[in-house]
Amino acid sequence: MCALGISFISYMFILFMIIVVVTFHARDFDFGRAAAITATYMTLMAVYFIVLFMVFRRKIDTPR
């Protein structure tokens, strides 16, 4: 579970870099665009982490 927390922080850094690149490319900060990027990215990451959590949980609960 600690690994999921650490990877979440690294994915937030990637989100920050995406917003920085888009802002410099557009040469203007648009809050609506940044919010849309963040909402899409966070939705995808939430689904991704839920799937990972379920896989890790199943792997841990499986008797060997």
PDB file of N, CA and C in Angstrom:
ATOM      1  N   MET A   1       0.823  -1.189   0.000  1.00  0.00           N
ATOM      2  CA  MET A   1       0.000   0.000   0.000  1.00  0.00           C
ATOM      3  C   MET A   1       0.869   1.257   0.000  1.00  0.00           C
ATOM      4  N   CYS A   2       2.015   1.173   0.626  1.00  0.00           N
ATOM      5  CA  CYS A   2       2.934   2.310   0.633  1.00  0.00           C
ATOM      6  C   CYS A   2       3.395   2.624  -0.790  1.00  0.00           C
ATOM      7  N   ALA A   3       3.573   1.587  -1.583  1.00  0.00           N
ATOM      8  CA  ALA A   3       3.993   1.784  -2.977  1.00  0.00           C
ATOM      9  C   ALA A   3       2.930   2.536  -3.760  1.00  0.00           C
ATOM     10  N   LEU A   4       1.652   2.279  -3.472  1.00  0.00           N
ATOM     11  CA  LEU A   4       0.591   3.022  -4.151  1.00  0.00           C
ATOM     12  C   LEU A   4       0.637   4.502  -3.790  1.00  0.00           C
ATOM     13  N   GLY A   5       0.937   4.805  -2.550  1.00  0.00           N
ATOM     14  CA  GLY A   5       1.040   6.197  -2.127  1.00  0.00           C
ATOM     15  C   GLY A   5       2.195   6.910  -2.800  1.00  0.00           C
ATOM     16  N   ILE A   6       3.324   6.240  -2.892  1.00  0.00           N
ATOM     17  CA  ILE A   6       4.489   6.833  -3.536  1.00  0.00           C
ATOM     18  C   ILE A   6       4.234   7.025  -5.024  1.00  0.00           C
ATOM     19  N   SER A   7       3.616   6.050  -5.672  1.00  0.00           N
ATOM     20  CA  SER A   7       3.335   6.201  -7.097  1.00  0.00           C
ATOM     21  C   SER A   7       2.285   7.281  -7.333  1.00  0.00           C
ATOM     22  N   PHE A   8       1.344   7.469  -6.397  1.00  0.00           N
ATOM     23  CA  PHE A   8       0.366   8.544  -6.520  1.00  0.00           C
ATOM     24  C   PHE A   8       1.063   9.897  -6.543  1.00  0.00           C
ATOM     25  N   ILE A   9       2.059  10.074  -5.686  1.00  0.00           N
ATOM     26  CA  ILE A   9       2.801  11.340  -5.655  1.00  0.00           C
ATOM     27  C   ILE A   9       3.538  11.553  -6.968  1.00  0.00           C
ATOM     28  N   SER A  10       4.132  10.506  -7.511  1.00  0.00           N
ATOM     29  CA  SER A  10       4.840  10.655  -8.783  1.00  0.00           C
ATOM     30  C   SER A  10       3.866  10.957  -9.921  1.00  0.00           C
ATOM     31  N   TYR A  11       2.668  10.379  -9.889  1.00  0.00           N
ATOM     32  CA  TYR A  11       1.678  10.690 -10.920  1.00  0.00           C
ATOM     33  C   TYR A  11       1.175  12.129 -10.791  1.00  0.00           C
ATOM     34  N   MET A  12       1.134  12.660  -9.582  1.00  0.00           N
ATOM     35  CA  MET A  12       0.748  14.062  -9.416  1.00  0.00           C
ATOM     36  C   MET A  12       1.824  14.991  -9.987  1.00  0.00           C
ATOM     37  N   PHE A  13       3.078  14.586  -9.881  1.00  0.00           N
ATOM     38  CA  PHE A  13       4.157  15.361 -10.491  1.00  0.00           C
ATOM     39  C   PHE A  13       4.015  15.347 -12.009  1.00  0.00           C
ATOM     40  N   ILE A  14       3.646  14.211 -12.575  1.00  0.00           N
ATOM     41  CA  ILE A  14       3.430  14.117 -14.022  1.00  0.00           C
ATOM     42  C   ILE A  14       2.276  15.026 -14.437  1.00  0.00           C
ATOM     43  N   LEU A  15       1.200  15.066 -13.646  1.00  0.00           N
ATOM     44  CA  LEU A  15       0.088  15.969 -13.928  1.00  0.00           C
ATOM     45  C   LEU A  15       0.558  17.411 -13.913  1.00  0.00           C
ATOM     46  N   PHE A  16       1.352  17.768 -12.933  1.00  0.00           N
ATOM     47  CA  PHE A  16       1.883  19.129 -12.854  1.00  0.00           C
ATOM     48  C   PHE A  16       2.691  19.465 -14.103  1.00  0.00           C
ATOM     49  N   MET A  17       3.531  18.535 -14.540  1.00  0.00           N
ATOM     50  CA  MET A  17       4.345  18.776 -15.736  1.00  0.00           C
ATOM     51  C   MET A  17       3.467  18.909 -16.988  1.00  0.00           C
ATOM     52  N   ILE A  18       2.407  18.125 -17.089  1.00  0.00           N
ATOM     53  CA  ILE A  18       1.487  18.239 -18.225  1.00  0.00           C
ATOM     54  C   ILE A  18       0.861  19.627 -18.256  1.00  0.00           C
ATOM     55  N   ILE A  19       0.412  20.110 -17.108  1.00  0.00           N
ATOM     56  CA  ILE A  19      -0.209  21.431 -17.040  1.00  0.00           C
ATOM     57  C   ILE A  19       0.808  22.518 -17.377  1.00  0.00           C
ATOM     58  N   VAL A  20       2.044  22.367 -16.900  1.00  0.00           N
ATOM     59  CA  VAL A  20       3.085  23.349 -17.221  1.00  0.00           C
ATOM     60  C   VAL A  20       3.349  23.382 -18.723  1.00  0.00           C
ATOM     61  N   VAL A  21       3.483  22.210 -19.346  1.00  0.00           N
ATOM     62  CA  VAL A  21       3.753  22.150 -20.786  1.00  0.00           C
ATOM     63  C   VAL A  21       2.595  22.761 -21.577  1.00  0.00           C
ATOM     64  N   VAL A  22       1.360  22.425 -21.205  1.00  0.00           N
ATOM     65  CA  VAL A  22       0.202  22.980 -21.915  1.00  0.00           C
ATOM     66  C   VAL A  22       0.129  24.492 -21.725  1.00  0.00           C
ATOM     67  N   THR A  23       0.417  24.964 -20.530  1.00  0.00           N
ATOM     68  CA  THR A  23       0.377  26.403 -20.266  1.00  0.00           C
ATOM     69  C   THR A  23       1.445  27.138 -21.076  1.00  0.00           C
ATOM     70  N   PHE A  24       2.657  26.614 -21.128  1.00  0.00           N
ATOM     71  CA  PHE A  24       3.701  27.276 -21.910  1.00  0.00           C
ATOM     72  C   PHE A  24       3.421  27.174 -23.404  1.00  0.00           C
ATOM     73  N   HIS A  25       2.832  26.078 -23.840  1.00  0.00           N
ATOM     74  CA  HIS A  25       2.504  25.934 -25.260  1.00  0.00           C
ATOM     75  C   HIS A  25       1.431  26.938 -25.667  1.00  0.00           C
ATOM     76  N   ALA A  26       0.433  27.139 -24.815  1.00  0.00           N
ATOM     77  CA  ALA A  26      -0.646  28.074 -25.110  1.00  0.00           C
ATOM     78  C   ALA A  26      -0.256  29.517 -24.785  1.00  0.00           C
ATOM     79  N   ARG A  27       0.822  29.698 -24.040  1.00  0.00           N
ATOM     80  CA  ARG A  27       1.326  31.018 -23.613  1.00  0.00           C
ATOM     81  C   ARG A  27       0.326  31.796 -22.770  1.00  0.00           C
ATOM     82  N   ASP A  28      -0.577  31.058 -22.136  1.00  0.00           N
ATOM     83  CA  ASP A  28      -1.552  31.688 -21.257  1.00  0.00           C
ATOM     84  C   ASP A  28      -2.132  30.613 -20.345  1.00  0.00           C
ATOM     85  N   PHE A  29      -2.289  30.952 -19.075  1.00  0.00           N
ATOM     86  CA  PHE A  29      -2.890  30.005 -18.140  1.00  0.00           C
ATOM     87  C   PHE A  29      -4.398  30.164 -18.192  1.00  0.00           C
ATOM     88  N   ASP A  30      -5.067  29.104 -18.544  1.00  0.00           N
ATOM     89  CA  ASP A  30      -6.525  29.078 -18.578  1.00  0.00           C
ATOM     90  C   ASP A  30      -6.982  28.093 -17.510  1.00  0.00           C
ATOM     91  N   PHE A  31      -7.669  28.616 -16.498  1.00  0.00           N
ATOM     92  CA  PHE A  31      -8.083  27.760 -15.386  1.00  0.00           C
ATOM     93  C   PHE A  31      -9.027  26.658 -15.845  1.00  0.00           C
ATOM     94  N   GLY A  32      -9.913  26.961 -16.773  1.00  0.00           N
ATOM     95  CA  GLY A  32     -10.854  25.962 -17.275  1.00  0.00           C
ATOM     96  C   GLY A  32     -10.144  24.805 -17.950  1.00  0.00           C
ATOM     97  N   ARG A  33      -9.129  25.120 -18.745  1.00  0.00           N
ATOM     98  CA  ARG A  33      -8.364  24.067 -19.425  1.00  0.00           C
ATOM     99  C   ARG A  33      -7.590  23.233 -18.408  1.00  0.00           C
ATOM    100  N   ALA A  34      -6.968  23.899 -17.437  1.00  0.00           N
ATOM    101  CA  ALA A  34      -6.221  23.174 -16.400  1.00  0.00           C
ATOM    102  C   ALA A  34      -7.153  22.300 -15.566  1.00  0.00           C
ATOM    103  N   ALA A  35      -8.343  22.807 -15.278  1.00  0.00           N
ATOM    104  CA  ALA A  35      -9.309  22.023 -14.507  1.00  0.00           C
ATOM    105  C   ALA A  35      -9.793  20.812 -15.303  1.00  0.00           C
ATOM    106  N   ALA A  36     -10.006  20.990 -16.603  1.00  0.00           N
ATOM    107  CA  ALA A  36     -10.446  19.874 -17.446  1.00  0.00           C
ATOM    108  C   ALA A  36      -9.362  18.799 -17.536  1.00  0.00           C
ATOM    109  N   ILE A  37      -8.117  19.223 -17.709  1.00  0.00           N
ATOM    110  CA  ILE A  37      -6.998  18.277 -17.754  1.00  0.00           C
ATOM    111  C   ILE A  37      -6.895  17.529 -16.430  1.00  0.00           C
ATOM    112  N   THR A  38      -7.001  18.269 -15.332  1.00  0.00           N
ATOM    113  CA  THR A  38      -6.899  17.666 -14.006  1.00  0.00           C
ATOM    114  C   THR A  38      -8.044  16.687 -13.751  1.00  0.00           C
ATOM    115  N   ALA A  39      -9.261  17.066 -14.109  1.00  0.00           N
ATOM    116  CA  ALA A  39     -10.413  16.184 -13.883  1.00  0.00           C
ATOM    117  C   ALA A  39     -10.280  14.895 -14.696  1.00  0.00           C
ATOM    118  N   THR A  40      -9.884  15.011 -15.941  1.00  0.00           N
ATOM    119  CA  THR A  40      -9.714  13.825 -16.777  1.00  0.00           C
ATOM    120  C   THR A  40      -8.611  12.933 -16.237  1.00  0.00           C
ATOM    121  N   TYR A  41      -7.476  13.538 -15.931  1.00  0.00           N
ATOM    122  CA  TYR A  41      -6.318  12.788 -15.442  1.00  0.00           C
ATOM    123  C   TYR A  41      -6.629  12.111 -14.110  1.00  0.00           C
ATOM    124  N   MET A  42      -7.270  12.836 -13.204  1.00  0.00           N
ATOM    125  CA  MET A  42      -7.575  12.270 -11.892  1.00  0.00           C
ATOM    126  C   MET A  42      -8.608  11.145 -11.988  1.00  0.00           C
ATOM    127  N   THR A  43      -9.558  11.266 -12.914  1.00  0.00           N
ATOM    128  CA  THR A  43     -10.526  10.185 -13.114  1.00  0.00           C
ATOM    129  C   THR A  43      -9.825   8.924 -13.605  1.00  0.00           C
ATOM    130  N   LEU A  44      -8.951   9.086 -14.592  1.00  0.00           N
ATOM    131  CA  LEU A  44      -8.196   7.936 -15.090  1.00  0.00           C
ATOM    132  C   LEU A  44      -7.311   7.333 -14.003  1.00  0.00           C
ATOM    133  N   MET A  45      -6.660   8.169 -13.214  1.00  0.00           N
ATOM    134  CA  MET A  45      -5.791   7.670 -12.144  1.00  0.00           C
ATOM    135  C   MET A  45      -6.603   6.988 -11.048  1.00  0.00           C
ATOM    136  N   ALA A  46      -7.792   7.500 -10.751  1.00  0.00           N
ATOM    137  CA  ALA A  46      -8.636   6.865  -9.733  1.00  0.00           C
ATOM    138  C   ALA A  46      -9.037   5.462 -10.177  1.00  0.00           C
ATOM    139  N   VAL A  47      -9.446   5.327 -11.427  1.00  0.00           N
ATOM    140  CA  VAL A  47      -9.810   4.008 -11.952  1.00  0.00           C
ATOM    141  C   VAL A  47      -8.585   3.092 -11.917  1.00  0.00           C
ATOM    142  N   TYR A  48      -7.439   3.606 -12.331  1.00  0.00           N
ATOM    143  CA  TYR A  48      -6.194   2.840 -12.347  1.00  0.00           C
ATOM    144  C   TYR A  48      -5.836   2.356 -10.941  1.00  0.00           C
ATOM    145  N   PHE A  49      -5.917   3.233  -9.947  1.00  0.00           N
ATOM    146  CA  PHE A  49      -5.557   2.852  -8.588  1.00  0.00           C
ATOM    147  C   PHE A  49      -6.576   1.896  -7.971  1.00  0.00           C
ATOM    148  N   ILE A  50      -7.844   2.018  -8.321  1.00  0.00           N
ATOM    149  CA  ILE A  50      -8.844   1.081  -7.827  1.00  0.00           C
ATOM    150  C   ILE A  50      -8.552  -0.320  -8.356  1.00  0.00           C
ATOM    151  N   VAL A  51      -8.221  -0.398  -9.653  1.00  0.00           N
ATOM    152  CA  VAL A  51      -7.879  -1.697 -10.240  1.00  0.00           C
ATOM    153  C   VAL A  51      -6.626  -2.265  -9.576  1.00  0.00           C
ATOM    154  N   LEU A  52      -5.601  -1.432  -9.405  1.00  0.00           N
ATOM    155  CA  LEU A  52      -4.375  -1.907  -8.742  1.00  0.00           C
ATOM    156  C   LEU A  52      -4.647  -2.356  -7.319  1.00  0.00           C
ATOM    157  N   PHE A  53      -5.464  -1.617  -6.603  1.00  0.00           N
ATOM    158  CA  PHE A  53      -5.799  -1.981  -5.232  1.00  0.00           C
ATOM    159  C   PHE A  53      -6.488  -3.335  -5.188  1.00  0.00           C
ATOM    160  N   MET A  54      -7.418  -3.552  -6.120  1.00  0.00           N
ATOM    161  CA  MET A  54      -8.122  -4.836  -6.160  1.00  0.00           C
ATOM    162  C   MET A  54      -7.170  -5.976  -6.512  1.00  0.00           C
ATOM    163  N   VAL A  55      -6.263  -5.752  -7.431  1.00  0.00           N
ATOM    164  CA  VAL A  55      -5.293  -6.788  -7.805  1.00  0.00           C
ATOM    165  C   VAL A  55      -4.374  -7.099  -6.633  1.00  0.00           C
ATOM    166  N   PHE A  56      -3.841  -6.059  -5.984  1.00  0.00           N
ATOM    167  CA  PHE A  56      -2.953  -6.278  -4.841  1.00  0.00           C
ATOM    168  C   PHE A  56      -3.688  -6.968  -3.705  1.00  0.00           C
ATOM    169  N   ARG A  57      -4.943  -6.589  -3.480  1.00  0.00           N
ATOM    170  CA  ARG A  57      -5.728  -7.175  -2.397  1.00  0.00           C
ATOM    171  C   ARG A  57      -5.956  -8.658  -2.665  1.00  0.00           C
ATOM    172  N   ARG A  58      -6.287  -9.001  -3.907  1.00  0.00           N
ATOM    173  CA  ARG A  58      -6.502 -10.401  -4.285  1.00  0.00           C
ATOM    174  C   ARG A  58      -5.210 -11.197  -4.168  1.00  0.00           C
ATOM    175  N   LYS A  59      -4.122 -10.577  -4.558  1.00  0.00           N
ATOM    176  CA  LYS A  59      -2.823 -11.263  -4.501  1.00  0.00           C
ATOM    177  C   LYS A  59      -2.410 -11.523  -3.051  1.00  0.00           C
ATOM    178  N   ILE A  60      -2.684 -10.578  -2.167  1.00  0.00           N
ATOM    179  CA  ILE A  60      -2.317 -10.728  -0.752  1.00  0.00           C
ATOM    180  C   ILE A  60      -3.217 -11.763  -0.076  1.00  0.00           C
ATOM    181  N   ASP A  61      -4.513 -11.783  -0.402  1.00  0.00           N
ATOM    182  CA  ASP A  61      -5.468 -12.686   0.231  1.00  0.00           C
ATOM    183  C   ASP A  61      -5.402 -14.110  -0.278  1.00  0.00           C
ATOM    184  N   THR A  62      -4.742 -14.344  -1.397  1.00  0.00           N
ATOM    185  CA  THR A  62      -4.663 -15.680  -1.975  1.00  0.00           C
ATOM    186  C   THR A  62      -3.718 -16.556  -1.156  1.00  0.00           C
ATOM    187  N   PRO A  63      -4.207 -17.719  -0.690  1.00  0.00           N
ATOM    188  CA  PRO A  63      -3.304 -18.615   0.049  1.00  0.00           C
ATOM    189  C   PRO A  63      -2.273 -19.230  -0.902  1.00  0.00           C
ATOM    190  N   ARG A  64      -1.112 -19.480  -0.375  1.00  0.00           N
ATOM    191  CA  ARG A  64      -0.031 -20.034  -1.209  1.00  0.00           C
ATOM    192  C   ARG A  64       0.114 -21.486  -1.030  1.00  0.00           C
TER     193      ARG A  64
END
